[in-house]
Amino acid sequence: EAVVDLSGRPFLAWDATFDRDRIGELDTELVEEFFRA
C-alpha cells in the first residue's frame, strides 16, 4: 500500500522487509533509500 500527500512536508513511513540481500544487482536495503530520497 502507498499513500501520498503532496504536502510540502517531506516524510517517509516505511514498513516492509526483505529476507535476502539482493534482487539481481540491487541491494534490497536501497529500495527504502530510494523512496526516502
Full PDB file with SEQRES, HELIX, SHEET, SSBOND, CRYST1, ORIGX, SCALE, CONECT and MASTER records, all heavy atoms in Angstrom:
SEQRES   1 A   37  GLU ALA VAL VAL ASP LEU SER GLY ARG PRO PHE LEU ALA          
SEQRES   2 A   37  TRP ASP ALA THR PHE ASP ARG ASP ARG ILE GLY GLU LEU          
SEQRES   3 A   37  ASP THR GLU LEU VAL GLU GLU PHE PHE ARG ALA                  
HELIX    1 AA1 GLU A   29  ARG A   36  1                                   8    
SHEET    1 AA1 2 ARG A  22  ILE A  23  0                                        
SHEET    2 AA1 2 LEU A  26  ASP A  27 -1                                        
CRYST1    1.000    1.000    1.000  90.00  90.00  90.00 P 1           1          
ORIGX1      1.000000  0.000000  0.000000        0.00000                         
ORIGX2      0.000000  1.000000  0.000000        0.00000                         
ORIGX3      0.000000  0.000000  1.000000        0.00000                         
SCALE1      1.000000  0.000000  0.000000        0.00000                         
SCALE2      0.000000  1.000000  0.000000        0.00000                         
SCALE3      0.000000  0.000000  1.000000        0.00000                         
ATOM      1  N   GLU A   1       0.843  -1.192   0.000  1.00  0.00           N  
ATOM      2  CA  GLU A   1       0.000   0.000   0.000  1.00  0.00           C  
ATOM      3  C   GLU A   1       0.879   1.243   0.000  1.00  0.00           C  
ATOM      4  O   GLU A   1       1.869   1.311   0.731  1.00  0.00           O  
ATOM      5  CB  GLU A   1      -0.887   0.014   1.239  1.00  0.00           C  
ATOM      6  CG  GLU A   1      -1.786   1.236   1.331  1.00  0.00           C  
ATOM      7  CD  GLU A   1      -2.610   1.232   2.604  1.00  0.00           C  
ATOM      8  OE1 GLU A   1      -2.027   1.042   3.701  1.00  0.00           O  
ATOM      9  OE2 GLU A   1      -3.840   1.410   2.508  1.00  0.00           O  
ATOM     10  N   ALA A   2       0.517   2.208  -0.821  1.00  0.00           N  
ATOM     11  CA  ALA A   2       1.181   3.511  -0.828  1.00  0.00           C  
ATOM     12  C   ALA A   2       0.133   4.598  -0.622  1.00  0.00           C  
ATOM     13  O   ALA A   2      -0.940   4.550  -1.230  1.00  0.00           O  
ATOM     14  CB  ALA A   2       1.912   3.741  -2.148  1.00  0.00           C  
ATOM     15  N   VAL A   3       0.457   5.546   0.236  1.00  0.00           N  
ATOM     16  CA  VAL A   3      -0.386   6.716   0.467  1.00  0.00           C  
ATOM     17  C   VAL A   3       0.496   7.948   0.336  1.00  0.00           C  
ATOM     18  O   VAL A   3       1.561   8.020   0.954  1.00  0.00           O  
ATOM     19  CB  VAL A   3      -1.062   6.668   1.849  1.00  0.00           C  
ATOM     20  CG1 VAL A   3      -1.979   7.875   2.034  1.00  0.00           C  
ATOM     21  CG2 VAL A   3      -1.826   5.371   2.046  1.00  0.00           C  
ATOM     22  N   VAL A   4       0.050   8.902  -0.492  1.00  0.00           N  
ATOM     23  CA  VAL A   4       0.845  10.085  -0.822  1.00  0.00           C  
ATOM     24  C   VAL A   4       0.074  11.346  -0.448  1.00  0.00           C  
ATOM     25  O   VAL A   4      -1.137  11.431  -0.658  1.00  0.00           O  
ATOM     26  CB  VAL A   4       1.160  10.116  -2.340  1.00  0.00           C  
ATOM     27  CG1 VAL A   4       1.743  11.463  -2.762  1.00  0.00           C  
ATOM     28  CG2 VAL A   4       2.122   8.996  -2.706  1.00  0.00           C  
ATOM     29  N   ASP A   5       0.787  12.315   0.098  1.00  0.00           N  
ATOM     30  CA  ASP A   5       0.260  13.660   0.311  1.00  0.00           C  
ATOM     31  C   ASP A   5       1.305  14.637  -0.214  1.00  0.00           C  
ATOM     32  O   ASP A   5       2.432  14.668   0.283  1.00  0.00           O  
ATOM     33  CB  ASP A   5      -0.008  13.907   1.795  1.00  0.00           C  
ATOM     34  CG  ASP A   5      -0.509  15.317   2.107  1.00  0.00           C  
ATOM     35  OD1 ASP A   5      -0.778  16.083   1.162  1.00  0.00           O  
ATOM     36  OD2 ASP A   5      -0.621  15.648   3.305  1.00  0.00           O  
ATOM     37  N   LEU A   6       0.937  15.423  -1.219  1.00  0.00           N  
ATOM     38  CA  LEU A   6       1.854  16.421  -1.774  1.00  0.00           C  
ATOM     39  C   LEU A   6       1.860  17.643  -0.857  1.00  0.00           C  
ATOM     40  O   LEU A   6       1.542  18.757  -1.246  1.00  0.00           O  
ATOM     41  CB  LEU A   6       1.414  16.811  -3.187  1.00  0.00           C  
ATOM     42  CG  LEU A   6       1.281  15.667  -4.194  1.00  0.00           C  
ATOM     43  CD1 LEU A   6       0.754  16.190  -5.533  1.00  0.00           C  
ATOM     44  CD2 LEU A   6       2.613  14.947  -4.387  1.00  0.00           C  
ATOM     45  N   SER A   7       2.260  17.405   0.361  1.00  0.00           N  
ATOM     46  CA  SER A   7       2.042  18.329   1.467  1.00  0.00           C  
ATOM     47  C   SER A   7       3.065  19.458   1.561  1.00  0.00           C  
ATOM     48  O   SER A   7       2.829  20.449   2.235  1.00  0.00           O  
ATOM     49  CB  SER A   7       2.078  17.546   2.784  1.00  0.00           C  
ATOM     50  OG  SER A   7       3.345  16.907   2.924  1.00  0.00           O  
ATOM     51  N   GLY A   8       4.229  19.275   0.945  1.00  0.00           N  
ATOM     52  CA  GLY A   8       5.327  20.191   1.188  1.00  0.00           C  
ATOM     53  C   GLY A   8       6.097  19.838   2.448  1.00  0.00           C  
ATOM     54  O   GLY A   8       7.073  20.498   2.798  1.00  0.00           O  
ATOM     55  N   ARG A   9       5.665  18.785   3.140  1.00  0.00           N  
ATOM     56  CA  ARG A   9       6.342  18.319   4.358  1.00  0.00           C  
ATOM     57  C   ARG A   9       6.905  16.924   4.075  1.00  0.00           C  
ATOM     58  O   ARG A   9       6.154  15.948   4.023  1.00  0.00           O  
ATOM     59  CB  ARG A   9       5.365  18.280   5.533  1.00  0.00           C  
ATOM     60  CG  ARG A   9       4.841  19.645   5.925  1.00  0.00           C  
ATOM     61  CD  ARG A   9       3.947  19.591   7.161  1.00  0.00           C  
ATOM     62  NE  ARG A   9       2.824  18.680   7.004  1.00  0.00           N  
ATOM     63  CZ  ARG A   9       1.686  19.016   6.381  1.00  0.00           C  
ATOM     64  NH1 ARG A   9       1.533  20.215   5.846  1.00  0.00           N  
ATOM     65  NH2 ARG A   9       0.700  18.140   6.299  1.00  0.00           N  
ATOM     66  N   PRO A  10       8.205  16.812   3.886  1.00  0.00           N  
ATOM     67  CA  PRO A  10       8.789  15.528   3.491  1.00  0.00           C  
ATOM     68  C   PRO A  10       8.828  14.534   4.639  1.00  0.00           C  
ATOM     69  O   PRO A  10       9.266  14.849   5.742  1.00  0.00           O  
ATOM     70  CB  PRO A  10      10.201  15.908   3.042  1.00  0.00           C  
ATOM     71  CG  PRO A  10      10.509  17.167   3.778  1.00  0.00           C  
ATOM     72  CD  PRO A  10       9.201  17.890   3.938  1.00  0.00           C  
ATOM     73  N   PHE A  11       8.343  13.327   4.351  1.00  0.00           N  
ATOM     74  CA  PHE A  11       8.336  12.277   5.367  1.00  0.00           C  
ATOM     75  C   PHE A  11       8.154  10.930   4.681  1.00  0.00           C  
ATOM     76  O   PHE A  11       7.367  10.812   3.744  1.00  0.00           O  
ATOM     77  CB  PHE A  11       7.194  12.495   6.367  1.00  0.00           C  
ATOM     78  CG  PHE A  11       7.233  11.537   7.533  1.00  0.00           C  
ATOM     79  CD1 PHE A  11       8.066  11.771   8.612  1.00  0.00           C  
ATOM     80  CD2 PHE A  11       6.444  10.391   7.540  1.00  0.00           C  
ATOM     81  CE1 PHE A  11       8.110  10.886   9.684  1.00  0.00           C  
ATOM     82  CE2 PHE A  11       6.484   9.498   8.601  1.00  0.00           C  
ATOM     83  CZ  PHE A  11       7.315   9.754   9.679  1.00  0.00           C  
ATOM     84  N   LEU A  12       8.894   9.931   5.148  1.00  0.00           N  
ATOM     85  CA  LEU A  12       8.687   8.559   4.694  1.00  0.00           C  
ATOM     86  C   LEU A  12       8.367   7.681   5.882  1.00  0.00           C  
ATOM     87  O   LEU A  12       9.140   7.632   6.847  1.00  0.00           O  
ATOM     88  CB  LEU A  12       9.921   8.000   3.981  1.00  0.00           C  
ATOM     89  CG  LEU A  12       9.817   6.503   3.622  1.00  0.00           C  
ATOM     90  CD1 LEU A  12       8.774   6.262   2.534  1.00  0.00           C  
ATOM     91  CD2 LEU A  12      11.163   5.931   3.212  1.00  0.00           C  
ATOM     92  N   ALA A  13       7.239   7.004   5.840  1.00  0.00           N  
ATOM     93  CA  ALA A  13       6.926   5.931   6.776  1.00  0.00           C  
ATOM     94  C   ALA A  13       7.049   4.632   5.993  1.00  0.00           C  
ATOM     95  O   ALA A  13       6.309   4.405   5.036  1.00  0.00           O  
ATOM     96  CB  ALA A  13       5.520   6.097   7.339  1.00  0.00           C  
ATOM     97  N   TRP A  14       7.990   3.796   6.375  1.00  0.00           N  
ATOM     98  CA  TRP A  14       8.333   2.587   5.620  1.00  0.00           C  
ATOM     99  C   TRP A  14       8.134   1.369   6.503  1.00  0.00           C  
ATOM    100  O   TRP A  14       8.675   1.303   7.619  1.00  0.00           O  
ATOM    101  CB  TRP A  14       9.786   2.678   5.160  1.00  0.00           C  
ATOM    102  CG  TRP A  14      10.372   1.422   4.594  1.00  0.00           C  
ATOM    103  CD1 TRP A  14      11.169   0.520   5.242  1.00  0.00           C  
ATOM    104  CD2 TRP A  14      10.226   0.931   3.254  1.00  0.00           C  
ATOM    105  NE1 TRP A  14      11.531  -0.496   4.389  1.00  0.00           N  
ATOM    106  CE2 TRP A  14      10.957  -0.274   3.163  1.00  0.00           C  
ATOM    107  CE3 TRP A  14       9.543   1.392   2.129  1.00  0.00           C  
ATOM    108  CZ2 TRP A  14      11.035  -1.024   1.997  1.00  0.00           C  
ATOM    109  CZ3 TRP A  14       9.622   0.641   0.963  1.00  0.00           C  
ATOM    110  CH2 TRP A  14      10.357  -0.548   0.900  1.00  0.00           C  
ATOM    111  N   ASP A  15       7.387   0.408   6.027  1.00  0.00           N  
ATOM    112  CA  ASP A  15       7.178  -0.834   6.758  1.00  0.00           C  
ATOM    113  C   ASP A  15       7.148  -1.993   5.769  1.00  0.00           C  
ATOM    114  O   ASP A  15       6.089  -2.411   5.300  1.00  0.00           O  
ATOM    115  CB  ASP A  15       5.878  -0.771   7.559  1.00  0.00           C  
ATOM    116  CG  ASP A  15       5.685  -2.004   8.447  1.00  0.00           C  
ATOM    117  OD1 ASP A  15       6.607  -2.827   8.533  1.00  0.00           O  
ATOM    118  OD2 ASP A  15       4.586  -2.134   9.043  1.00  0.00           O  
ATOM    119  N   ALA A  16       8.330  -2.447   5.411  1.00  0.00           N  
ATOM    120  CA  ALA A  16       8.475  -3.587   4.505  1.00  0.00           C  
ATOM    121  C   ALA A  16       9.791  -4.282   4.843  1.00  0.00           C  
ATOM    122  O   ALA A  16      10.738  -3.641   5.299  1.00  0.00           O  
ATOM    123  CB  ALA A  16       8.477  -3.135   3.044  1.00  0.00           C  
ATOM    124  N   THR A  17       9.837  -5.574   4.621  1.00  0.00           N  
ATOM    125  CA  THR A  17      11.042  -6.333   4.937  1.00  0.00           C  
ATOM    126  C   THR A  17      11.400  -7.264   3.784  1.00  0.00           C  
ATOM    127  O   THR A  17      10.522  -7.783   3.085  1.00  0.00           O  
ATOM    128  CB  THR A  17      10.860  -7.181   6.214  1.00  0.00           C  
ATOM    129  OG1 THR A  17       9.733  -8.037   6.050  1.00  0.00           O  
ATOM    130  CG2 THR A  17      10.644  -6.287   7.430  1.00  0.00           C  
ATOM    131  N   PHE A  18      12.696  -7.436   3.608  1.00  0.00           N  
ATOM    132  CA  PHE A  18      13.225  -8.355   2.600  1.00  0.00           C  
ATOM    133  C   PHE A  18      14.088  -9.383   3.312  1.00  0.00           C  
ATOM    134  O   PHE A  18      14.890  -9.027   4.176  1.00  0.00           O  
ATOM    135  CB  PHE A  18      14.067  -7.594   1.571  1.00  0.00           C  
ATOM    136  CG  PHE A  18      13.304  -6.553   0.796  1.00  0.00           C  
ATOM    137  CD1 PHE A  18      13.421  -5.206   1.121  1.00  0.00           C  
ATOM    138  CD2 PHE A  18      12.472  -6.909  -0.240  1.00  0.00           C  
ATOM    139  CE1 PHE A  18      12.723  -4.242   0.418  1.00  0.00           C  
ATOM    140  CE2 PHE A  18      11.764  -5.960  -0.958  1.00  0.00           C  
ATOM    141  CZ  PHE A  18      11.885  -4.623  -0.624  1.00  0.00           C  
ATOM    142  N   ASP A  19      13.936 -10.639   2.928  1.00  0.00           N  
ATOM    143  CA  ASP A  19      14.692 -11.676   3.619  1.00  0.00           C  
ATOM    144  C   ASP A  19      15.947 -12.102   2.862  1.00  0.00           C  
ATOM    145  O   ASP A  19      16.565 -13.109   3.195  1.00  0.00           O  
ATOM    146  CB  ASP A  19      13.801 -12.883   3.939  1.00  0.00           C  
ATOM    147  CG  ASP A  19      13.293 -13.606   2.697  1.00  0.00           C  
ATOM    148  OD1 ASP A  19      13.700 -13.226   1.584  1.00  0.00           O  
ATOM    149  OD2 ASP A  19      12.475 -14.539   2.848  1.00  0.00           O  
ATOM    150  N   ARG A  20      16.309 -11.323   1.848  1.00  0.00           N  
ATOM    151  CA  ARG A  20      17.611 -11.551   1.232  1.00  0.00           C  
ATOM    152  C   ARG A  20      18.241 -10.213   0.878  1.00  0.00           C  
ATOM    153  O   ARG A  20      17.560  -9.192   0.857  1.00  0.00           O  
ATOM    154  CB  ARG A  20      17.512 -12.473   0.024  1.00  0.00           C  
ATOM    155  CG  ARG A  20      16.823 -11.952  -1.207  1.00  0.00           C  
ATOM    156  CD  ARG A  20      16.881 -13.038  -2.295  1.00  0.00           C  
ATOM    157  NE  ARG A  20      16.770 -12.479  -3.628  1.00  0.00           N  
ATOM    158  CZ  ARG A  20      15.679 -12.603  -4.391  1.00  0.00           C  
ATOM    159  NH1 ARG A  20      14.611 -13.229  -3.937  1.00  0.00           N  
ATOM    160  NH2 ARG A  20      15.659 -12.099  -5.616  1.00  0.00           N  
ATOM    161  N   ASP A  21      19.537 -10.235   0.626  1.00  0.00           N  
ATOM    162  CA  ASP A  21      20.304  -9.002   0.499  1.00  0.00           C  
ATOM    163  C   ASP A  21      20.194  -8.340  -0.867  1.00  0.00           C  
ATOM    164  O   ASP A  21      20.379  -7.129  -0.971  1.00  0.00           O  
ATOM    165  CB  ASP A  21      21.793  -9.259   0.784  1.00  0.00           C  
ATOM    166  CG  ASP A  21      22.035  -9.653   2.229  1.00  0.00           C  
ATOM    167  OD1 ASP A  21      21.195  -9.300   3.085  1.00  0.00           O  
ATOM    168  OD2 ASP A  21      23.049 -10.333   2.496  1.00  0.00           O  
ATOM    169  N   ARG A  22      19.909  -9.119  -1.909  1.00  0.00           N  
ATOM    170  CA  ARG A  22      19.934  -8.551  -3.258  1.00  0.00           C  
ATOM    171  C   ARG A  22      18.775  -9.083  -4.093  1.00  0.00           C  
ATOM    172  O   ARG A  22      18.330 -10.214  -3.918  1.00  0.00           O  
ATOM    173  CB  ARG A  22      21.261  -8.880  -3.967  1.00  0.00           C  
ATOM    174  CG  ARG A  22      22.472  -8.232  -3.326  1.00  0.00           C  
ATOM    175  CD  ARG A  22      23.767  -8.753  -3.934  1.00  0.00           C  
ATOM    176  NE  ARG A  22      24.065  -8.170  -5.229  1.00  0.00           N  
ATOM    177  CZ  ARG A  22      24.601  -6.971  -5.402  1.00  0.00           C  
ATOM    178  NH1 ARG A  22      24.876  -6.207  -4.370  1.00  0.00           N  
ATOM    179  NH2 ARG A  22      24.877  -6.517  -6.601  1.00  0.00           N  
ATOM    180  N   ILE A  23      18.334  -8.235  -5.014  1.00  0.00           N  
ATOM    181  CA  ILE A  23      17.432  -8.652  -6.087  1.00  0.00           C  
ATOM    182  C   ILE A  23      18.178  -8.306  -7.367  1.00  0.00           C  
ATOM    183  O   ILE A  23      18.347  -7.123  -7.686  1.00  0.00           O  
ATOM    184  CB  ILE A  23      16.082  -7.911  -6.049  1.00  0.00           C  
ATOM    185  CG1 ILE A  23      15.455  -7.970  -4.654  1.00  0.00           C  
ATOM    186  CG2 ILE A  23      15.137  -8.491  -7.090  1.00  0.00           C  
ATOM    187  CD1 ILE A  23      14.253  -7.060  -4.488  1.00  0.00           C  
ATOM    188  N   GLY A  24      18.633  -9.300  -8.068  1.00  0.00           N  
ATOM    189  CA  GLY A  24      19.523  -9.021  -9.199  1.00  0.00           C  
ATOM    190  C   GLY A  24      20.759  -8.296  -8.697  1.00  0.00           C  
ATOM    191  O   GLY A  24      21.441  -8.757  -7.785  1.00  0.00           O  
ATOM    192  N   GLU A  25      21.017  -7.110  -9.263  1.00  0.00           N  
ATOM    193  CA  GLU A  25      22.188  -6.315  -8.854  1.00  0.00           C  
ATOM    194  C   GLU A  25      21.823  -5.201  -7.881  1.00  0.00           C  
ATOM    195  O   GLU A  25      22.652  -4.344  -7.583  1.00  0.00           O  
ATOM    196  CB  GLU A  25      22.866  -5.719 -10.097  1.00  0.00           C  
ATOM    197  CG  GLU A  25      23.479  -6.763 -11.030  1.00  0.00           C  
ATOM    198  CD  GLU A  25      24.507  -7.613 -10.306  1.00  0.00           C  
ATOM    199  OE1 GLU A  25      25.405  -7.055  -9.642  1.00  0.00           O  
ATOM    200  OE2 GLU A  25      24.400  -8.860 -10.385  1.00  0.00           O  
ATOM    201  N   LEU A  26      20.589  -5.208  -7.386  1.00  0.00           N  
ATOM    202  CA  LEU A  26      20.147  -4.155  -6.464  1.00  0.00           C  
ATOM    203  C   LEU A  26      20.173  -4.660  -5.030  1.00  0.00           C  
ATOM    204  O   LEU A  26      19.542  -5.672  -4.714  1.00  0.00           O  
ATOM    205  CB  LEU A  26      18.731  -3.703  -6.824  1.00  0.00           C  
ATOM    206  CG  LEU A  26      18.128  -2.624  -5.912  1.00  0.00           C  
ATOM    207  CD1 LEU A  26      18.853  -1.291  -6.101  1.00  0.00           C  
ATOM    208  CD2 LEU A  26      16.640  -2.457  -6.183  1.00  0.00           C  
ATOM    209  N   ASP A  27      20.888  -3.951  -4.158  1.00  0.00           N  
ATOM    210  CA  ASP A  27      20.835  -4.251  -2.730  1.00  0.00           C  
ATOM    211  C   ASP A  27      19.429  -3.938  -2.224  1.00  0.00           C  
ATOM    212  O   ASP A  27      18.919  -2.827  -2.443  1.00  0.00           O  
ATOM    213  CB  ASP A  27      21.851  -3.415  -1.956  1.00  0.00           C  
ATOM    214  CG  ASP A  27      23.287  -3.766  -2.297  1.00  0.00           C  
ATOM    215  OD1 ASP A  27      23.538  -4.913  -2.707  1.00  0.00           O  
ATOM    216  OD2 ASP A  27      24.154  -2.885  -2.166  1.00  0.00           O  
ATOM    217  N   THR A  28      18.795  -4.876  -1.538  1.00  0.00           N  
ATOM    218  CA  THR A  28      17.413  -4.667  -1.123  1.00  0.00           C  
ATOM    219  C   THR A  28      17.271  -3.496  -0.151  1.00  0.00           C  
ATOM    220  O   THR A  28      16.234  -2.826  -0.135  1.00  0.00           O  
ATOM    221  CB  THR A  28      16.821  -5.939  -0.488  1.00  0.00           C  
ATOM    222  OG1 THR A  28      17.719  -6.440   0.507  1.00  0.00           O  
ATOM    223  CG2 THR A  28      16.567  -7.000  -1.539  1.00  0.00           C  
ATOM    224  N   GLU A  29      18.297  -3.198   0.646  1.00  0.00           N  
ATOM    225  CA  GLU A  29      18.191  -2.060   1.564  1.00  0.00           C  
ATOM    226  C   GLU A  29      18.087  -0.729   0.809  1.00  0.00           C  
ATOM    227  O   GLU A  29      17.621   0.270   1.364  1.00  0.00           O  
ATOM    228  CB  GLU A  29      19.382  -2.024   2.522  1.00  0.00           C  
ATOM    229  CG  GLU A  29      20.710  -1.710   1.864  1.00  0.00           C  
ATOM    230  CD  GLU A  29      21.865  -1.695   2.859  1.00  0.00           C  
ATOM    231  OE1 GLU A  29      21.628  -2.048   4.040  1.00  0.00           O  
ATOM    232  OE2 GLU A  29      22.978  -1.329   2.462  1.00  0.00           O  
ATOM    233  N   LEU A  30      18.449  -0.723  -0.468  1.00  0.00           N  
ATOM    234  CA  LEU A  30      18.387   0.515  -1.250  1.00  0.00           C  
ATOM    235  C   LEU A  30      16.981   0.831  -1.749  1.00  0.00           C  
ATOM    236  O   LEU A  30      16.729   1.955  -2.190  1.00  0.00           O  
ATOM    237  CB  LEU A  30      19.358   0.438  -2.429  1.00  0.00           C  
ATOM    238  CG  LEU A  30      20.833   0.340  -2.048  1.00  0.00           C  
ATOM    239  CD1 LEU A  30      21.704   0.309  -3.303  1.00  0.00           C  
ATOM    240  CD2 LEU A  30      21.239   1.485  -1.134  1.00  0.00           C  
ATOM    241  N   VAL A  31      16.064  -0.134  -1.667  1.00  0.00           N  
ATOM    242  CA  VAL A  31      14.674   0.157  -2.036  1.00  0.00           C  
ATOM    243  C   VAL A  31      14.129   1.239  -1.106  1.00  0.00           C  
ATOM    244  O   VAL A  31      13.586   2.254  -1.548  1.00  0.00           O  
ATOM    245  CB  VAL A  31      13.809  -1.120  -1.979  1.00  0.00           C  
ATOM    246  CG1 VAL A  31      12.352  -0.787  -2.257  1.00  0.00           C  
ATOM    247  CG2 VAL A  31      14.327  -2.161  -2.977  1.00  0.00           C  
ATOM    248  N   GLU A  32      14.304   1.050   0.184  1.00  0.00           N  
ATOM    249  CA  GLU A  32      13.876   2.074   1.149  1.00  0.00           C  
ATOM    250  C   GLU A  32      14.617   3.384   0.924  1.00  0.00           C  
ATOM    251  O   GLU A  32      14.022   4.470   1.024  1.00  0.00           O  
ATOM    252  CB  GLU A  32      14.112   1.573   2.582  1.00  0.00           C  
ATOM    253  CG  GLU A  32      13.699   2.575   3.640  1.00  0.00           C  
ATOM    254  CD  GLU A  32      13.957   2.096   5.066  1.00  0.00           C  
ATOM    255  OE1 GLU A  32      14.402   0.936   5.250  1.00  0.00           O  
ATOM    256  OE2 GLU A  32      13.707   2.882   6.006  1.00  0.00           O  
ATOM    257  N   GLU A  33      15.904   3.310   0.623  1.00  0.00           N  
ATOM    258  CA  GLU A  33      16.688   4.535   0.407  1.00  0.00           C  
ATOM    259  C   GLU A  33      16.168   5.338  -0.776  1.00  0.00           C  
ATOM    260  O   GLU A  33      16.145   6.573  -0.745  1.00  0.00           O  
ATOM    261  CB  GLU A  33      18.168   4.197   0.206  1.00  0.00           C  
ATOM    262  CG  GLU A  33      18.847   3.659   1.440  1.00  0.00           C  
ATOM    263  CD  GLU A  33      18.736   4.594   2.632  1.00  0.00           C  
ATOM    264  OE1 GLU A  33      18.903   5.819   2.460  1.00  0.00           O  
ATOM    265  OE2 GLU A  33      18.451   4.099   3.739  1.00  0.00           O  
ATOM    266  N   PHE A  34      15.744   4.650  -1.841  1.00  0.00           N  
ATOM    267  CA  PHE A  34      15.166   5.364  -2.975  1.00  0.00           C  
ATOM    268  C   PHE A  34      13.910   6.113  -2.562  1.00  0.00           C  
ATOM    269  O   PHE A  34      13.738   7.296  -2.852  1.00  0.00           O  
ATOM    270  CB  PHE A  34      14.832   4.415  -4.131  1.00  0.00           C  
ATOM    271  CG  PHE A  34      14.006   5.090  -5.197  1.00  0.00           C  
ATOM    272  CD1 PHE A  34      14.610   5.905  -6.145  1.00  0.00           C  
ATOM    273  CD2 PHE A  34      12.617   4.956  -5.214  1.00  0.00           C  
ATOM    274  CE1 PHE A  34      13.837   6.570  -7.102  1.00  0.00           C  
ATOM    275  CE2 PHE A  34      11.849   5.613  -6.170  1.00  0.00           C  
ATOM    276  CZ  PHE A  34      12.464   6.420  -7.112  1.00  0.00           C  
ATOM    277  N   PHE A  35      12.990   5.407  -1.893  1.00  0.00           N  
ATOM    278  CA  PHE A  35      11.724   6.038  -1.504  1.00  0.00           C  
ATOM    279  C   PHE A  35      11.964   7.209  -0.551  1.00  0.00           C  
ATOM    280  O   PHE A  35      11.284   8.233  -0.645  1.00  0.00           O  
ATOM    281  CB  PHE A  35      10.787   5.007  -0.875  1.00  0.00           C  
ATOM    282  CG  PHE A  35      10.243   4.003  -1.850  1.00  0.00           C  
ATOM    283  CD1 PHE A  35      10.358   2.645  -1.605  1.00  0.00           C  
ATOM    284  CD2 PHE A  35       9.604   4.405  -3.014  1.00  0.00           C  
ATOM    285  CE1 PHE A  35       9.851   1.716  -2.501  1.00  0.00           C  
ATOM    286  CE2 PHE A  35       9.095   3.481  -3.922  1.00  0.00           C  
ATOM    287  CZ  PHE A  35       9.216   2.131  -3.662  1.00  0.00           C  
ATOM    288  N   ARG A  36      12.928   7.060   0.355  1.00  0.00           N  
ATOM    289  CA  ARG A  36      13.219   8.161   1.290  1.00  0.00           C  
ATOM    290  C   ARG A  36      13.761   9.373   0.533  1.00  0.00           C  
ATOM    291  O   ARG A  36      13.316  10.505   0.750  1.00  0.00           O  
ATOM    292  CB  ARG A  36      14.214   7.721   2.358  1.00  0.00           C  
ATOM    293  CG  ARG A  36      14.606   8.866   3.305  1.00  0.00           C  
ATOM    294  CD  ARG A  36      15.432   8.415   4.482  1.00  0.00           C  
ATOM    295  NE  ARG A  36      14.614   7.627   5.394  1.00  0.00           N  
ATOM    296  CZ  ARG A  36      14.703   6.316   5.539  1.00  0.00           C  
ATOM    297  NH1 ARG A  36      15.576   5.619   4.848  1.00  0.00           N  
ATOM    298  NH2 ARG A  36      13.914   5.679   6.384  1.00  0.00           N  
ATOM    299  N   ALA A  37      14.707   9.153  -0.363  1.00  0.00           N  
ATOM    300  CA  ALA A  37      15.284  10.260  -1.124  1.00  0.00           C  
ATOM    301  C   ALA A  37      14.232  10.941  -1.988  1.00  0.00           C  
ATOM    302  O   ALA A  37      14.187  12.173  -2.084  1.00  0.00           O  
ATOM    303  CB  ALA A  37      16.438   9.750  -1.993  1.00  0.00           C  
TER     304      ALA A  37                                                      
MASTER        0    0    0    1    2    0    0    6  303    1    0    3          
END                                                                             
